Structure formats: C-alpha cells, structure tokens
Amino acid sequence: MTKVIHLPRAHAGNRVQLSARTPKPTTPAADGIQRQQAIENALTMALYFMRQPGNAAANVWAATARTNRALTLLKQASEGMAPASPVNATGRA
C-alpha cells in the first residue's frame, strides 16, 4: 500500500498568506506608478479580449468593462484623487 503525504494547498474560499513581510509605506511617487500600472493593465486586458477570435459578446463585454476601469482610473488621476481601494489583476477592488 502506498503512503500518501498531503501537502498544504489553497482551497476554494480560503485565503493563503504568501509572505509575512510588512507592506512598505507608499509614497506619492509609488502611488503614481501603481496607478499607471493599473491603467496600463486594464487597457492591455481590454486589447486581449478584443483580439480573441470570434469576438464573442462576452469578450466585447469584458473589453468594455476593462476600458471603463481604465477611464475611471484616468479620471481619478486627472482629479488628483487616490483610488478608493486597491486594484487587483482583474481591475476589481
């Protein structure tokens, strides 16, 4: 009989802490860089969805959502506002 060793892994609904490091304090320059990265990421994702073959309605909807996110971030940047919440890879807070 084989011995099974269970390794820890992320389960649905459980959050896994990847590091115990404390976050670095943000500076206005770092906030600007993070904002620019979020804007570029949203626009890149919009292009990704539009370049998918077939241009399914779901792809157009996703591209529109990412474009709207980029526009919101640009509006906040022009008004000098900080984002209300951190932005993740999907553009959702």
C-alpha atoms as a PDB file:
ATOM      1  CA  MET A   1       0.000   0.000   0.000  1.00  0.00           C
ATOM      2  CA  THR A   2       1.239   3.474  -0.858  1.00  0.00           C
ATOM      3  CA  LYS A   3       1.740   6.104   1.773  1.00  0.00           C
ATOM      4  CA  VAL A   4       0.059   9.404   0.843  1.00  0.00           C
ATOM      5  CA  ILE A   5       1.565  12.662   2.025  1.00  0.00           C
ATOM      6  CA  HIS A   6      -0.890  15.538   1.948  1.00  0.00           C
ATOM      7  CA  LEU A   7       0.723  18.867   1.115  1.00  0.00           C
ATOM      8  CA  PRO A   8      -0.846  22.170   2.186  1.00  0.00           C
ATOM      9  CA  ARG A   9      -2.620  23.930  -0.672  1.00  0.00           C
ATOM     10  CA  ALA A  10      -5.138  26.674  -1.188  1.00  0.00           C
ATOM     11  CA  HIS A  11      -8.754  25.556  -1.025  1.00  0.00           C
ATOM     12  CA  ALA A  12     -11.674  27.431  -2.521  1.00  0.00           C
ATOM     13  CA  GLY A  13     -12.692  30.216  -0.199  1.00  0.00           C
ATOM     14  CA  ASN A  14      -9.536  30.078   1.915  1.00  0.00           C
ATOM     15  CA  ARG A  15      -7.003  32.846   1.665  1.00  0.00           C
ATOM     16  CA  VAL A  16      -3.374  31.866   1.805  1.00  0.00           C
ATOM     17  CA  GLN A  17      -0.876  34.351   3.170  1.00  0.00           C
ATOM     18  CA  LEU A  18       2.104  34.277   0.834  1.00  0.00           C
ATOM     19  CA  SER A  19       4.558  36.237   2.929  1.00  0.00           C
ATOM     20  CA  ALA A  20       4.898  37.622   6.400  1.00  0.00           C
ATOM     21  CA  ARG A  21       6.582  40.816   5.210  1.00  0.00           C
ATOM     22  CA  THR A  22       5.086  44.089   6.284  1.00  0.00           C
ATOM     23  CA  PRO A  23       3.958  46.311   3.421  1.00  0.00           C
ATOM     24  CA  LYS A  24       6.229  49.187   2.513  1.00  0.00           C
ATOM     25  CA  PRO A  25       4.875  52.658   3.185  1.00  0.00           C
ATOM     26  CA  THR A  26       3.635  54.192  -0.032  1.00  0.00           C
ATOM     27  CA  THR A  27       4.906  57.488  -1.329  1.00  0.00           C
ATOM     28  CA  PRO A  28       3.146  59.772  -3.792  1.00  0.00           C
ATOM     29  CA  ALA A  29       5.590  58.596  -6.484  1.00  0.00           C
ATOM     30  CA  ALA A  30       4.838  54.941  -5.720  1.00  0.00           C
ATOM     31  CA  ASP A  31       1.103  55.666  -5.816  1.00  0.00           C
ATOM     32  CA  GLY A  32       1.526  57.275  -9.242  1.00  0.00           C
ATOM     33  CA  ILE A  33       3.461  54.293 -10.534  1.00  0.00           C
ATOM     34  CA  GLN A  34       0.863  51.867  -9.186  1.00  0.00           C
ATOM     35  CA  ARG A  35      -1.914  53.922 -10.766  1.00  0.00           C
ATOM     36  CA  GLN A  36      -0.112  53.927 -14.124  1.00  0.00           C
ATOM     37  CA  GLN A  37       0.417  50.164 -13.895  1.00  0.00           C
ATOM     38  CA  ALA A  38      -3.281  49.631 -13.143  1.00  0.00           C
ATOM     39  CA  ILE A  39      -4.291  51.817 -16.116  1.00  0.00           C
ATOM     40  CA  GLU A  40      -1.907  50.032 -18.484  1.00  0.00           C
ATOM     41  CA  ASN A  41      -3.038  46.646 -17.201  1.00  0.00           C
ATOM     42  CA  ALA A  42      -6.715  47.496 -17.759  1.00  0.00           C
ATOM     43  CA  LEU A  43      -6.035  48.693 -21.300  1.00  0.00           C
ATOM     44  CA  THR A  44      -3.882  45.655 -22.068  1.00  0.00           C
ATOM     45  CA  MET A  45      -6.631  43.344 -20.843  1.00  0.00           C
ATOM     46  CA  ALA A  46      -9.172  45.199 -22.997  1.00  0.00           C
ATOM     47  CA  LEU A  47      -6.968  44.638 -26.044  1.00  0.00           C
ATOM     48  CA  TYR A  48      -6.506  40.985 -25.090  1.00  0.00           C
ATOM     49  CA  PHE A  49     -10.264  40.398 -25.016  1.00  0.00           C
ATOM     50  CA  MET A  50     -10.825  42.235 -28.311  1.00  0.00           C
ATOM     51  CA  ARG A  51      -8.121  40.163 -30.049  1.00  0.00           C
ATOM     52  CA  GLN A  52      -9.750  36.856 -29.123  1.00  0.00           C
ATOM     53  CA  PRO A  53     -11.017  35.009 -32.189  1.00  0.00           C
ATOM     54  CA  GLY A  54     -14.726  35.178 -32.849  1.00  0.00           C
ATOM     55  CA  ASN A  55     -15.375  38.417 -30.943  1.00  0.00           C
ATOM     56  CA  ALA A  56     -17.990  36.743 -28.780  1.00  0.00           C
ATOM     57  CA  ALA A  57     -20.357  39.018 -26.878  1.00  0.00           C
ATOM     58  CA  ALA A  58     -18.661  38.017 -23.614  1.00  0.00           C
ATOM     59  CA  ASN A  59     -15.288  39.209 -24.945  1.00  0.00           C
ATOM     60  CA  VAL A  60     -16.740  42.548 -26.016  1.00  0.00           C
ATOM     61  CA  TRP A  61     -18.407  42.934 -22.617  1.00  0.00           C
ATOM     62  CA  ALA A  62     -15.140  42.129 -20.797  1.00  0.00           C
ATOM     63  CA  ALA A  63     -13.171  44.548 -23.010  1.00  0.00           C
ATOM     64  CA  THR A  64     -15.724  47.277 -22.326  1.00  0.00           C
ATOM     65  CA  ALA A  65     -15.513  46.672 -18.576  1.00  0.00           C
ATOM     66  CA  ARG A  66     -11.696  46.901 -18.616  1.00  0.00           C
ATOM     67  CA  THR A  67     -11.820  50.057 -20.733  1.00  0.00           C
ATOM     68  CA  ASN A  68     -14.283  51.643 -18.317  1.00  0.00           C
ATOM     69  CA  ARG A  69     -11.956  50.751 -15.441  1.00  0.00           C
ATOM     70  CA  ALA A  70      -9.043  52.430 -17.240  1.00  0.00           C
ATOM     71  CA  LEU A  71     -11.169  55.516 -17.882  1.00  0.00           C
ATOM     72  CA  THR A  72     -12.146  55.690 -14.214  1.00  0.00           C
ATOM     73  CA  LEU A  73      -8.504  55.456 -13.156  1.00  0.00           C
ATOM     74  CA  LEU A  74      -7.542  58.157 -15.664  1.00  0.00           C
ATOM     75  CA  LYS A  75     -10.311  60.400 -14.345  1.00  0.00           C
ATOM     76  CA  GLN A  76      -9.102  59.874 -10.775  1.00  0.00           C
ATOM     77  CA  ALA A  77      -5.526  60.651 -11.838  1.00  0.00           C
ATOM     78  CA  SER A  78      -6.575  63.866 -13.561  1.00  0.00           C
ATOM     79  CA  GLU A  79      -8.525  64.963 -10.493  1.00  0.00           C
ATOM     80  CA  GLY A  80      -5.640  64.063  -8.184  1.00  0.00           C
ATOM     81  CA  MET A  81      -7.733  61.506  -6.340  1.00  0.00           C
ATOM     82  CA  ALA A  82      -6.336  58.310  -4.897  1.00  0.00           C
ATOM     83  CA  PRO A  83      -8.188  55.106  -5.721  1.00  0.00           C
ATOM     84  CA  ALA A  84     -10.816  54.249  -3.138  1.00  0.00           C
ATOM     85  CA  SER A  85      -9.476  50.713  -2.809  1.00  0.00           C
ATOM     86  CA  PRO A  86      -6.504  48.704  -4.051  1.00  0.00           C
ATOM     87  CA  VAL A  87      -6.756  47.327  -7.558  1.00  0.00           C
ATOM     88  CA  ASN A  88      -6.100  43.712  -8.338  1.00  0.00           C
ATOM     89  CA  ALA A  89      -5.250  42.000 -11.595  1.00  0.00           C
ATOM     90  CA  THR A  90      -8.820  41.839 -12.778  1.00  0.00           C
ATOM     91  CA  GLY A  91      -9.374  45.520 -12.259  1.00  0.00           C
ATOM     92  CA  ARG A  92     -11.772  44.877  -9.440  1.00  0.00           C
ATOM     93  CA  ALA A  93     -11.289  46.239  -5.972  1.00  0.00           C
END
